[in-house]
N, C-alpha and C. Protein backbone atom coordinates (compact mmCIF):
# COMPACT_ATOMS: atom_id res chain seq x y z
N MET A 1 -2.50 -3.43 -16.46
CA MET A 1 -2.41 -2.18 -17.08
C MET A 1 -3.75 -1.68 -16.04
N ILE A 2 -4.02 -0.32 -15.16
CA ILE A 2 -4.75 0.19 -14.36
C ILE A 2 -5.96 0.68 -16.15
N ILE A 3 -6.85 0.76 -15.70
CA ILE A 3 -8.22 1.45 -16.24
C ILE A 3 -8.84 2.09 -15.15
N VAL A 4 -9.08 3.53 -15.85
CA VAL A 4 -9.90 4.11 -14.78
C VAL A 4 -10.92 4.47 -15.81
N PRO A 5 -12.33 4.17 -16.07
CA PRO A 5 -12.98 4.82 -16.51
C PRO A 5 -13.98 6.17 -15.93
N VAL A 6 -14.14 6.77 -16.93
CA VAL A 6 -14.40 8.17 -16.83
C VAL A 6 -15.47 8.78 -17.37
N LYS A 7 -16.84 9.36 -16.38
CA LYS A 7 -18.12 9.25 -16.74
C LYS A 7 -18.34 10.50 -17.83
N GLU A 8 -19.17 10.72 -18.35
CA GLU A 8 -19.48 12.31 -19.03
C GLU A 8 -19.14 13.14 -18.03
N GLY A 9 -19.12 14.21 -18.12
CA GLY A 9 -18.93 15.22 -17.23
C GLY A 9 -18.06 15.25 -16.04
N GLU A 10 -17.28 14.02 -16.20
CA GLU A 10 -16.56 13.76 -14.67
C GLU A 10 -15.21 14.85 -14.62
N ASN A 11 -15.21 15.18 -13.54
CA ASN A 11 -13.66 16.10 -13.54
C ASN A 11 -12.22 15.43 -13.80
N ILE A 12 -11.61 15.78 -14.37
CA ILE A 12 -9.90 15.08 -14.76
C ILE A 12 -9.20 14.91 -13.38
N GLU A 13 -9.45 15.76 -12.44
CA GLU A 13 -9.10 15.86 -11.38
C GLU A 13 -9.07 14.42 -10.58
N ARG A 14 -10.11 14.21 -10.27
CA ARG A 14 -11.51 12.85 -9.46
C ARG A 14 -10.71 11.96 -10.25
N ALA A 15 -10.38 11.91 -11.62
CA ALA A 15 -10.15 10.65 -12.64
C ALA A 15 -8.79 10.21 -11.88
N LEU A 16 -7.89 11.53 -11.98
CA LEU A 16 -6.01 11.04 -11.72
C LEU A 16 -6.86 10.58 -10.43
N LYS A 17 -7.15 10.97 -9.72
CA LYS A 17 -6.94 10.32 -7.67
C LYS A 17 -7.71 9.50 -7.85
N LYS A 18 -8.77 9.15 -8.73
CA LYS A 18 -8.63 7.14 -8.43
C LYS A 18 -7.77 6.32 -9.16
N PHE A 19 -7.23 6.91 -10.29
CA PHE A 19 -6.01 6.45 -10.87
C PHE A 19 -5.15 5.78 -9.68
N LYS A 20 -4.88 7.43 -9.14
CA LYS A 20 -3.38 7.17 -8.01
C LYS A 20 -3.65 6.16 -7.19
N ARG A 21 -5.26 5.88 -6.63
CA ARG A 21 -5.10 5.37 -5.58
C ARG A 21 -5.16 3.98 -6.03
N LYS A 22 -5.51 3.43 -7.25
CA LYS A 22 -5.57 2.02 -7.84
C LYS A 22 -4.21 1.87 -8.09
N PHE A 23 -3.41 2.98 -8.54
CA PHE A 23 -1.56 2.58 -8.32
C PHE A 23 -1.02 2.03 -7.30
N GLU A 24 -1.52 2.98 -6.06
CA GLU A 24 -0.91 2.68 -4.97
C GLU A 24 -1.28 1.39 -4.25
N LYS A 25 -2.70 0.91 -4.41
CA LYS A 25 -2.82 -0.36 -4.50
C LYS A 25 -2.41 -1.74 -4.66
N THR A 26 -1.63 -1.36 -5.99
CA THR A 26 -0.81 -2.72 -6.64
C THR A 26 0.48 -2.88 -5.43
N GLY A 27 0.95 -1.76 -5.23
CA GLY A 27 2.40 -2.22 -4.43
C GLY A 27 3.34 -1.72 -5.34
N VAL A 28 3.58 -1.34 -6.22
CA VAL A 28 4.27 -1.39 -7.67
C VAL A 28 5.61 -0.22 -6.55
N VAL A 29 5.58 0.55 -6.27
CA VAL A 29 6.23 1.66 -5.51
C VAL A 29 7.22 1.29 -4.37
N LYS A 30 6.12 0.44 -3.25
CA LYS A 30 6.32 -0.44 -2.42
C LYS A 30 7.44 -1.20 -2.64
N GLU A 31 7.27 -2.21 -3.60
CA GLU A 31 8.11 -2.83 -4.05
C GLU A 31 9.57 -2.56 -4.29
N LEU A 32 8.93 -1.94 -5.49
CA LEU A 32 10.53 -0.88 -5.96
C LEU A 32 11.19 -0.42 -4.79
N ARG A 33 11.01 -0.16 -3.73
CA ARG A 33 11.93 1.06 -2.50
C ARG A 33 12.56 -0.58 -1.89
N ALA A 34 11.79 -1.38 -1.67
CA ALA A 34 12.18 -2.38 -1.32
C ALA A 34 12.95 -3.54 -1.94
N ARG A 35 13.05 -3.22 -3.51
CA ARG A 35 14.28 -3.87 -3.74
C ARG A 35 15.59 -3.16 -4.13
N GLN A 36 15.09 -1.96 -3.66
CA GLN A 36 16.41 -1.03 -3.96
C GLN A 36 18.09 -1.75 -2.86
N ALA A 37 17.49 -1.71 -1.87
CA ALA A 37 18.51 -2.17 -0.63
C ALA A 37 17.93 -4.08 -0.09
N PHE A 38 19.07 -4.98 -0.37
CA PHE A 38 18.92 -6.08 0.49
C PHE A 38 18.24 -5.85 1.83
N ARG A 39 17.67 -6.72 2.23
CA ARG A 39 17.51 -6.85 3.53
C ARG A 39 17.73 -8.54 4.18
N LYS A 40 18.33 -8.89 5.07
CA LYS A 40 18.03 -10.17 5.34
C LYS A 40 16.90 -11.34 5.50
N PRO A 41 16.45 -12.06 5.06
CA PRO A 41 15.43 -12.68 6.17
C PRO A 41 15.02 -12.42 7.18
N SER A 42 15.72 -12.56 8.36
CA SER A 42 15.56 -12.48 9.67
C SER A 42 15.34 -11.05 10.31
N GLU A 43 15.75 -9.99 9.22
CA GLU A 43 15.04 -8.55 9.89
C GLU A 43 13.65 -8.25 8.52
N ASN A 44 13.49 -9.28 7.68
CA ASN A 44 12.36 -9.15 7.14
C ASN A 44 11.11 -9.65 8.59
N LYS A 45 11.65 -11.15 8.96
CA LYS A 45 10.77 -11.90 9.63
C LYS A 45 10.15 -10.66 11.43
N ARG A 46 11.50 -10.21 11.34
CA ARG A 46 11.56 -9.18 12.62
C ARG A 46 10.69 -8.59 12.42
N GLU A 47 10.45 -7.19 11.20
CA GLU A 47 9.50 -6.32 10.57
C GLU A 47 8.48 -6.92 10.59
N GLU A 48 7.80 -8.20 10.37
CA GLU A 48 6.77 -8.38 10.48
C GLU A 48 6.20 -8.89 11.92
N TYR A 49 6.44 -9.37 12.28
CA TYR A 49 6.56 -9.80 13.76
C TYR A 49 6.46 -8.42 15.05
N LYS A 50 7.00 -7.56 14.84
CA LYS A 50 6.40 -6.23 14.87
C LYS A 50 5.12 -5.48 14.63
N LYS A 51 5.57 -5.75 13.36
CA LYS A 51 3.64 -5.02 12.76
C LYS A 51 2.59 -5.99 13.50
N ALA A 52 2.70 -7.42 13.38
CA ALA A 52 1.72 -7.94 14.18
C ALA A 52 1.31 -7.88 15.34
N VAL A 53 2.44 -7.40 16.26
CA VAL A 53 2.28 -7.13 17.35
C VAL A 53 1.17 -5.42 17.89
N TYR A 54 1.86 -4.80 17.00
CA TYR A 54 1.51 -3.62 16.90
C TYR A 54 -0.46 -4.06 16.22
N VAL A 55 -0.52 -4.11 15.31
CA VAL A 55 -1.50 -4.39 15.25
C VAL A 55 -3.06 -5.44 16.13
N GLN A 56 -2.28 -6.51 16.75
CA GLN A 56 -2.39 -6.84 17.67
C GLN A 56 -2.99 -6.03 18.97
N LYS A 57 -2.14 -5.27 19.58
CA LYS A 57 -2.29 -4.06 20.02
C LYS A 57 -3.38 -3.48 19.98
N LEU A 58 -3.51 -2.67 19.14
CA LEU A 58 -5.07 -1.62 18.60
C LEU A 58 -6.00 -2.75 18.16
N GLN A 59 -6.27 -3.74 18.20
CA GLN A 59 -7.47 -4.68 18.04
C GLN A 59 -7.67 -4.53 19.68
N GLN A 60 -6.85 -4.77 20.61
CA GLN A 60 -7.32 -5.23 21.41
C GLN A 60 -7.81 -3.74 22.48
N LYS A 61 -7.08 -2.83 22.05
CA LYS A 61 -7.73 -1.54 22.73
C LYS A 61 -9.16 -1.00 22.06
N GLU A 62 -9.42 -1.31 21.06
CA GLU A 62 -10.66 -0.96 20.44
C GLU A 62 -11.79 -2.13 21.76
N GLU A 63 -11.25 -3.63 21.83
CA GLU A 63 -12.47 -4.03 22.50
C GLU A 63 -12.66 -3.84 23.40
C-alpha cells in the first residue's frame, strides 16, 4: 500500500503528484502491460541486450 503523508496546508495537487510518482516507481502498470501479451524469452533477452548497448553508448558519450 502506498502512503503519502500530507503536511498541514499542503496543496492536494502536490500530494497527488507524489502519489503518482510513487505508484509509477512500483512498476505495476508496466507489469500489467507486459502480461497482456506473451513474449518469448529470446525476445526479452534481445530487448535487454539492445537497452544495455544503448545505455553503454550514452555513458561513453558523456566521458
